[in-house]
Amino acid sequence: MTSWLKWSPGIGPALLAALLFGASTPLAKLVMGNIHPVLFAGLLYAGSGLGLGIFWLLQRLRTRQADAEASLKWRDFRWLAGAVLFGGVLGPVLLMFGLSSTPASSASLLLNLESVLTAVVAWVVFRENVDRRIFLGMVAIVAGGVLLSWSHGPVGLPWGALAIVGACACWAIDNNLTRAISGGDPVAIAGIKGGSAGLINIGVALLLGQHLPAAPALAGAAVIGLVGYGISLVAFVLALRHLGAARTGAYFSTAPFVGAGLSLLLLREAPGLYFWVAGALMALGVWLHVSESHEHGHVHEPLDHEHPHSHDDHHQHPHDFEWDGKEPHTHPHQHQAMKHTHPHYPDLHHRHGHGDRR
């Protein structure tokens, strides 16, 4: 297990995505002030889309070639539209409503539920393998989330906490939809999601009678959005490509601990005993997730697709064009059927069933 985890190319991007997004939660609470949640969510995503769009354009003008990453195809946009709706519109709006009535430290830990719900959707809907270790980790994280939800605030239904749980559910759907197109250009995917979500949310807020905030708040939201939502999402898409939705979600669930730490430092919030017990349960769940190992004999069915690749054991194919030998490179290619055994995650090439342990 250790050697596989050491060399898996998706772990670094997953942890980077967690770090950047985790830091954005308490920083967003600092900048948000009295800005309407829908408008603020739009500003965050607009900053993400604008920044990534400029980067993508400059990159294309500089290299004048687009072969570093696979371009998005028309069939990808149905998945992307669903990801924009759930992950770029509904999710952030629910999060902003939740943040308005929930301590940032508690909100950060509640966001751990995203990994649980991501794994559930991946398992139930997309048939991604979830073994006993992943399941026990989900139980621990859910237990921590339930404890945290009812540990503060007035007696009754914790609407702020429920709004954050709803945001996690939306992002879980978003993660699995994005997984389907993770072989495409991650900057383009994140930029389109950010720009579309930003325009939609800002448009809705303006129709509701809201007004754009002063320049400092605009700039702050744009920077937080670019780093915590834009660059974080680029890294997340790269992780999805190599790890699958459930495992990427497990690594990403370390993000709330970053957010909780910053909340305690910047906002001077004083959490009680329930906070630490919930945090311990969630830490146990995260450890169970990230320490999982998966190895068995499996069959690769014939497959045609396009993504950046090097000529490893999974990529032994001829080229119908003159190739200069540079790797990784991107072009449409075909995989022949093969059977072998090695440690693996449900990446682009390992989305097989497990009913017969093939």
Protein backbone atom coordinates (compact mmCIF):
# COMPACT_ATOMS: atom_id res chain seq x y z
CA MET A 1 0.00 0.00 0.00
CA THR A 2 2.73 2.46 0.96
CA SER A 3 4.53 2.35 -2.39
CA TRP A 4 1.26 2.77 -4.26
CA LEU A 5 0.19 5.75 -2.18
CA LYS A 6 3.64 7.27 -2.56
CA TRP A 7 3.52 7.23 -6.33
CA SER A 8 -0.18 7.77 -7.03
CA PRO A 9 -0.33 11.04 -9.01
CA GLY A 10 -3.75 12.03 -7.68
CA ILE A 11 -2.92 12.40 -3.99
CA GLY A 12 -0.95 15.64 -4.24
CA PRO A 13 -3.68 17.47 -6.20
CA ALA A 14 -6.37 16.14 -3.83
CA LEU A 15 -4.55 17.46 -0.76
CA LEU A 16 -3.81 20.78 -2.48
CA ALA A 17 -7.50 21.15 -3.33
CA ALA A 18 -8.37 20.44 0.31
CA LEU A 19 -5.86 22.97 1.62
CA LEU A 20 -7.04 25.80 -0.65
CA PHE A 21 -10.76 25.19 -0.18
CA GLY A 22 -10.44 24.66 3.57
CA ALA A 23 -8.72 28.01 3.96
CA SER A 24 -11.44 29.75 1.93
CA THR A 25 -14.29 29.04 4.40
CA PRO A 26 -13.20 31.23 7.34
CA LEU A 27 -11.74 33.84 4.97
CA ALA A 28 -15.09 34.04 3.16
CA LYS A 29 -16.85 34.57 6.50
CA LEU A 30 -14.49 37.47 7.24
CA VAL A 31 -15.13 39.17 3.89
CA MET A 32 -18.84 38.35 3.56
CA GLY A 33 -20.14 40.84 6.13
CA ASN A 34 -23.68 41.89 5.17
CA ILE A 35 -23.41 40.81 1.52
CA HIS A 36 -26.38 38.67 0.48
CA PRO A 37 -25.40 34.96 0.34
CA VAL A 38 -26.50 34.52 -3.30
CA LEU A 39 -24.54 37.59 -4.40
CA PHE A 40 -21.46 36.57 -2.42
CA ALA A 41 -21.51 33.06 -3.89
CA GLY A 42 -21.71 34.63 -7.34
CA LEU A 43 -18.74 36.88 -6.63
CA LEU A 44 -16.65 33.93 -5.44
CA TYR A 45 -17.36 31.93 -8.57
CA ALA A 46 -17.02 34.93 -10.86
CA GLY A 47 -13.53 35.51 -9.46
CA SER A 48 -12.77 31.87 -10.10
CA GLY A 49 -14.07 31.89 -13.67
CA LEU A 50 -12.46 35.21 -14.60
CA GLY A 51 -9.05 34.30 -13.22
CA LEU A 52 -8.98 30.83 -14.76
CA GLY A 53 -10.33 32.15 -18.06
CA ILE A 54 -7.52 34.69 -18.31
CA PHE A 55 -4.96 31.99 -17.46
CA TRP A 56 -6.40 29.59 -20.05
CA LEU A 57 -6.37 32.27 -22.75
CA LEU A 58 -2.80 33.39 -21.99
CA GLN A 59 -1.65 29.78 -21.97
CA ARG A 60 -3.17 29.16 -25.39
CA LEU A 61 -1.73 32.38 -26.83
CA ARG A 62 1.71 31.54 -25.47
CA THR A 63 1.91 27.95 -26.67
CA ARG A 64 -0.47 28.22 -29.64
CA GLN A 65 -1.31 24.57 -29.13
CA ALA A 66 -3.89 22.77 -27.08
CA ASP A 67 -2.38 19.29 -26.85
CA ALA A 68 -1.34 19.46 -23.19
CA GLU A 69 -4.89 18.57 -22.14
CA ALA A 70 -7.79 17.00 -24.00
CA SER A 71 -10.36 19.51 -25.25
CA LEU A 72 -13.93 19.17 -24.02
CA LYS A 73 -16.32 17.45 -26.42
CA TRP A 74 -19.98 18.32 -26.98
CA ARG A 75 -21.04 15.18 -25.13
CA ASP A 76 -19.21 16.47 -22.06
CA PHE A 77 -21.40 19.55 -21.68
CA ARG A 78 -24.45 17.67 -20.36
CA TRP A 79 -22.30 16.51 -17.43
CA LEU A 80 -20.83 19.99 -17.09
CA ALA A 81 -24.28 21.64 -17.04
CA GLY A 82 -25.37 19.41 -14.16
CA ALA A 83 -22.13 20.11 -12.32
CA VAL A 84 -22.66 23.87 -12.72
CA LEU A 85 -26.22 23.64 -11.38
CA PHE A 86 -25.44 21.56 -8.30
CA GLY A 87 -21.86 22.57 -7.58
CA GLY A 88 -21.80 26.14 -8.82
CA VAL A 89 -25.28 27.44 -8.00
CA LEU A 90 -27.13 25.43 -5.36
CA GLY A 91 -24.11 24.31 -3.31
CA PRO A 92 -22.42 27.67 -2.68
CA VAL A 93 -25.74 29.45 -2.04
CA LEU A 94 -26.64 26.91 0.65
CA LEU A 95 -23.13 27.23 2.11
CA MET A 96 -23.36 31.02 2.32
CA PHE A 97 -26.77 30.78 4.04
CA GLY A 98 -25.30 28.25 6.46
CA LEU A 99 -22.26 30.39 7.21
CA SER A 100 -24.49 33.34 8.07
CA SER A 101 -25.84 31.51 11.15
CA THR A 102 -23.17 28.92 11.98
CA PRO A 103 -19.73 29.40 13.60
CA ALA A 104 -17.07 29.03 10.90
CA SER A 105 -15.20 26.38 12.90
CA SER A 106 -18.31 24.17 13.09
CA ALA A 107 -19.16 24.88 9.45
CA SER A 108 -15.68 23.77 8.43
CA LEU A 109 -16.07 20.42 10.17
CA LEU A 110 -19.60 19.92 8.82
CA LEU A 111 -18.13 20.18 5.32
CA ASN A 112 -16.55 16.76 5.97
CA LEU A 113 -19.95 15.31 5.10
CA GLU A 114 -19.22 16.11 1.45
CA SER A 115 -16.80 13.17 1.27
CA VAL A 116 -19.38 10.82 2.77
CA LEU A 117 -22.14 11.87 0.39
CA THR A 118 -19.71 11.79 -2.55
CA ALA A 119 -18.86 8.19 -1.72
CA VAL A 120 -22.54 7.28 -1.34
CA VAL A 121 -23.44 8.73 -4.76
CA ALA A 122 -20.37 7.10 -6.34
CA TRP A 123 -21.28 3.75 -4.83
CA VAL A 124 -25.06 3.72 -5.32
CA VAL A 125 -25.42 5.58 -8.62
CA PHE A 126 -22.11 5.12 -10.45
CA ARG A 127 -21.19 1.70 -8.97
CA GLU A 128 -17.74 2.83 -7.83
CA ASN A 129 -16.25 0.31 -5.41
CA VAL A 130 -16.63 1.23 -1.72
CA ASP A 131 -15.25 -1.42 0.66
CA ARG A 132 -15.74 -1.98 4.40
CA ARG A 133 -12.96 0.42 5.39
CA ILE A 134 -14.49 3.26 3.35
CA PHE A 135 -17.92 2.47 4.82
CA LEU A 136 -16.65 2.55 8.42
CA GLY A 137 -14.96 5.85 7.69
CA MET A 138 -18.26 7.25 6.44
CA VAL A 139 -20.00 6.12 9.64
CA ALA A 140 -17.42 7.93 11.79
CA ILE A 141 -17.67 11.14 9.76
CA VAL A 142 -21.48 11.08 9.83
CA ALA A 143 -21.44 10.55 13.60
CA GLY A 144 -19.19 13.58 13.99
CA GLY A 145 -21.40 15.65 11.72
CA VAL A 146 -24.59 14.75 13.62
CA LEU A 147 -22.95 15.56 16.95
CA LEU A 148 -21.69 18.88 15.64
CA SER A 149 -25.04 19.86 14.10
CA TRP A 150 -26.92 19.67 17.40
CA SER A 151 -24.19 20.91 19.74
CA HIS A 152 -24.88 24.65 19.50
CA GLY A 153 -27.61 27.18 18.84
CA PRO A 154 -31.19 27.41 20.12
CA VAL A 155 -33.33 24.37 20.75
CA GLY A 156 -34.97 23.22 17.57
CA LEU A 157 -33.94 22.48 14.02
CA PRO A 158 -30.41 23.78 13.25
CA TRP A 159 -31.20 25.47 9.94
CA GLY A 160 -27.66 26.75 9.42
CA ALA A 161 -26.18 23.29 9.86
CA LEU A 162 -28.82 21.75 7.60
CA ALA A 163 -28.05 24.31 4.90
CA ILE A 164 -24.38 23.30 5.02
CA VAL A 165 -25.35 19.61 4.81
CA GLY A 166 -27.46 20.50 1.77
CA ALA A 167 -24.44 22.19 0.22
CA CYS A 168 -22.43 19.02 0.81
CA ALA A 169 -25.11 16.96 -0.95
CA CYS A 170 -25.03 19.29 -3.95
CA TRP A 171 -21.25 19.10 -4.15
CA ALA A 172 -21.39 15.31 -3.86
CA ILE A 173 -23.53 15.20 -7.00
CA ASP A 174 -21.24 17.75 -8.64
CA ASN A 175 -18.15 15.65 -7.83
CA ASN A 176 -19.58 12.55 -9.47
CA LEU A 177 -20.76 14.44 -12.55
CA THR A 178 -17.33 16.06 -12.91
CA ARG A 179 -15.67 12.65 -12.54
CA ALA A 180 -17.29 11.64 -15.83
CA ILE A 181 -15.36 14.37 -17.71
CA SER A 182 -12.17 14.43 -15.60
CA GLY A 183 -10.09 13.34 -18.59
CA GLY A 184 -10.68 16.79 -20.12
CA ASP A 185 -8.82 20.05 -19.57
CA PRO A 186 -9.21 20.81 -15.82
CA VAL A 187 -8.64 24.56 -16.26
CA ALA A 188 -11.39 24.71 -18.90
CA ILE A 189 -13.75 22.64 -16.73
CA ALA A 190 -13.15 24.76 -13.62
CA GLY A 191 -13.25 28.03 -15.59
CA ILE A 192 -16.56 27.22 -17.29
CA LYS A 193 -18.09 26.09 -14.00
CA GLY A 194 -16.88 29.19 -12.19
CA GLY A 195 -17.89 31.67 -14.89
CA SER A 196 -21.32 30.13 -15.42
CA ALA A 197 -22.10 29.85 -11.73
CA GLY A 198 -20.88 33.38 -11.10
CA LEU A 199 -23.06 34.91 -13.79
CA ILE A 200 -26.14 32.96 -12.69
CA ASN A 201 -25.80 33.78 -9.00
CA ILE A 202 -24.97 37.45 -9.55
CA GLY A 203 -27.88 37.76 -11.99
CA VAL A 204 -30.31 36.23 -9.49
CA ALA A 205 -29.02 38.49 -6.71
CA LEU A 206 -29.43 41.62 -8.82
CA LEU A 207 -32.97 40.57 -9.73
CA LEU A 208 -33.67 40.24 -6.00
CA GLY A 209 -32.68 43.88 -5.57
CA GLN A 210 -29.16 43.39 -4.26
CA HIS A 211 -26.31 45.76 -5.13
CA LEU A 212 -22.65 45.07 -5.74
CA PRO A 213 -20.48 45.77 -2.67
CA ALA A 214 -17.61 48.25 -2.45
CA ALA A 215 -14.37 47.60 -4.32
CA PRO A 216 -12.43 46.10 -1.37
CA ALA A 217 -15.11 43.46 -0.77
CA LEU A 218 -15.31 42.76 -4.52
CA ALA A 219 -11.57 42.27 -4.73
CA GLY A 220 -11.49 40.10 -1.61
CA ALA A 221 -14.27 37.85 -2.88
CA ALA A 222 -12.59 37.55 -6.30
CA VAL A 223 -9.24 36.52 -4.82
CA ILE A 224 -10.81 34.04 -2.39
CA GLY A 225 -12.89 32.63 -5.24
CA LEU A 226 -9.93 32.25 -7.60
CA VAL A 227 -7.78 30.44 -5.05
CA GLY A 228 -10.31 28.59 -2.88
CA TYR A 229 -12.78 27.68 -5.63
CA GLY A 230 -10.89 28.00 -8.94
CA ILE A 231 -7.38 26.64 -8.39
CA SER A 232 -8.78 24.23 -5.83
CA LEU A 233 -11.23 22.86 -8.40
CA VAL A 234 -8.49 22.45 -11.02
CA ALA A 235 -6.54 20.33 -8.54
CA PHE A 236 -9.71 18.44 -7.60
CA VAL A 237 -10.45 17.51 -11.24
CA LEU A 238 -6.89 16.20 -11.62
CA ALA A 239 -7.40 14.09 -8.50
CA LEU A 240 -10.73 12.74 -9.80
CA ARG A 241 -8.91 11.62 -12.95
CA HIS A 242 -6.53 9.42 -10.95
CA LEU A 243 -8.44 8.44 -7.80
CA GLY A 244 -12.16 8.40 -8.61
CA ALA A 245 -14.87 10.31 -6.77
CA ALA A 246 -15.04 8.46 -3.44
CA ARG A 247 -11.28 8.42 -2.79
CA THR A 248 -10.78 11.99 -3.95
CA GLY A 249 -13.59 13.00 -1.62
CA ALA A 250 -11.84 11.20 1.23
CA TYR A 251 -8.62 13.14 0.76
CA PHE A 252 -10.59 16.35 0.23
CA SER A 253 -12.31 15.81 3.56
CA THR A 254 -9.13 17.04 5.24
CA ALA A 255 -10.13 20.55 4.09
CA PRO A 256 -12.43 21.32 7.04
CA PHE A 257 -9.57 20.81 9.48
CA VAL A 258 -7.66 23.56 7.70
CA GLY A 259 -10.75 25.77 7.87
CA ALA A 260 -11.39 24.98 11.52
CA GLY A 261 -7.83 25.83 12.47
CA LEU A 262 -7.96 29.16 10.64
CA SER A 263 -11.35 29.91 12.22
CA LEU A 264 -9.96 29.47 15.70
CA LEU A 265 -6.96 31.63 14.83
CA LEU A 266 -8.59 34.44 12.83
CA LEU A 267 -12.11 34.66 14.25
CA ARG A 268 -11.22 33.83 17.85
CA GLU A 269 -14.09 31.38 18.14
CA ALA A 270 -14.07 29.26 21.30
CA PRO A 271 -15.40 25.75 20.52
CA GLY A 272 -16.72 23.54 23.29
CA LEU A 273 -16.25 19.86 24.08
CA TYR A 274 -18.62 18.69 21.33
CA PHE A 275 -16.43 20.36 18.72
CA TRP A 276 -13.37 18.36 19.76
CA VAL A 277 -15.27 15.06 20.05
CA ALA A 278 -16.80 15.61 16.60
CA GLY A 279 -13.39 16.51 15.23
CA ALA A 280 -11.90 13.29 16.64
CA LEU A 281 -14.65 11.18 15.04
CA MET A 282 -14.14 12.90 11.71
CA ALA A 283 -10.36 12.48 11.95
CA LEU A 284 -10.88 8.75 12.50
CA GLY A 285 -13.12 8.58 9.45
CA VAL A 286 -10.61 10.43 7.30
CA TRP A 287 -7.81 8.11 8.42
CA LEU A 288 -9.86 5.04 7.54
CA HIS A 289 -10.48 6.52 4.10
CA VAL A 290 -6.95 7.54 3.19
CA SER A 291 -5.33 4.35 4.55
CA GLU A 292 -7.41 2.08 2.32
CA SER A 293 -5.63 -0.28 -0.10
CA HIS A 294 -7.26 -1.96 -3.10
CA GLU A 295 -5.64 -4.75 -5.15
CA HIS A 296 -7.11 -7.66 -7.11
CA GLY A 297 -7.08 -9.23 -10.55
CA HIS A 298 -9.22 -7.21 -12.94
CA VAL A 299 -10.12 -7.01 -16.62
CA HIS A 300 -9.77 -3.90 -18.78
CA GLU A 301 -12.47 -3.83 -21.43
CA PRO A 302 -11.71 -2.23 -24.83
CA LEU A 303 -11.90 1.54 -24.46
CA ASP A 304 -11.57 4.60 -26.70
CA HIS A 305 -10.92 7.96 -25.05
CA GLU A 306 -8.58 10.97 -24.90
CA HIS A 307 -6.49 12.35 -22.03
CA PRO A 308 -2.84 13.19 -21.23
CA HIS A 309 -0.84 9.96 -20.88
CA SER A 310 2.58 8.35 -20.99
CA HIS A 311 3.26 4.94 -22.46
CA ASP A 312 2.95 2.82 -19.32
CA ASP A 313 1.43 -0.66 -18.96
CA HIS A 314 -2.02 0.73 -19.72
CA HIS A 315 -0.96 2.69 -22.80
CA GLN A 316 0.63 0.44 -25.39
CA HIS A 317 -0.83 1.67 -28.66
CA PRO A 318 0.39 2.74 -32.11
CA HIS A 319 0.19 6.31 -33.42
CA ASP A 320 -1.42 7.32 -36.70
CA PHE A 321 0.60 10.55 -36.74
CA GLU A 322 4.26 11.51 -36.50
CA TRP A 323 5.21 11.47 -32.82
CA ASP A 324 8.25 13.32 -31.47
CA GLY A 325 8.56 11.06 -28.42
CA LYS A 326 7.49 13.67 -25.87
CA GLU A 327 5.50 12.45 -22.86
CA PRO A 328 2.96 12.96 -21.53
CA HIS A 329 1.00 13.78 -24.64
CA THR A 330 -2.67 13.89 -25.61
CA HIS A 331 -4.51 12.27 -28.50
CA PRO A 332 -7.47 9.92 -29.04
CA HIS A 333 -6.29 6.36 -28.39
CA GLN A 334 -7.66 2.86 -27.94
CA HIS A 335 -7.12 0.37 -25.14
CA GLN A 336 -7.24 -3.33 -25.94
CA ALA A 337 -8.72 -5.85 -23.50
CA MET A 338 -6.25 -7.05 -20.88
CA LYS A 339 -6.21 -8.71 -17.47
CA HIS A 340 -3.68 -8.13 -14.69
CA THR A 341 -3.27 -7.57 -10.95
CA HIS A 342 -1.89 -4.47 -9.23
CA PRO A 343 -2.93 -1.88 -6.62
CA HIS A 344 -5.32 0.64 -8.16
CA TYR A 345 -8.00 3.23 -7.59
CA PRO A 346 -11.09 3.80 -9.80
CA ASP A 347 -9.30 6.16 -12.18
CA LEU A 348 -10.00 6.63 -15.89
CA HIS A 349 -8.90 3.05 -16.59
CA HIS A 350 -10.24 1.21 -13.54
CA ARG A 351 -14.00 1.70 -13.49
CA HIS A 352 -14.78 -2.00 -13.58
CA GLY A 353 -17.37 -3.84 -11.54
CA HIS A 354 -16.54 -5.85 -8.43
CA GLY A 355 -19.41 -8.30 -8.24
CA ASP A 356 -17.20 -11.10 -9.54
CA ARG A 357 -13.89 -9.55 -8.34
CA ARG A 358 -12.59 -9.45 -11.90
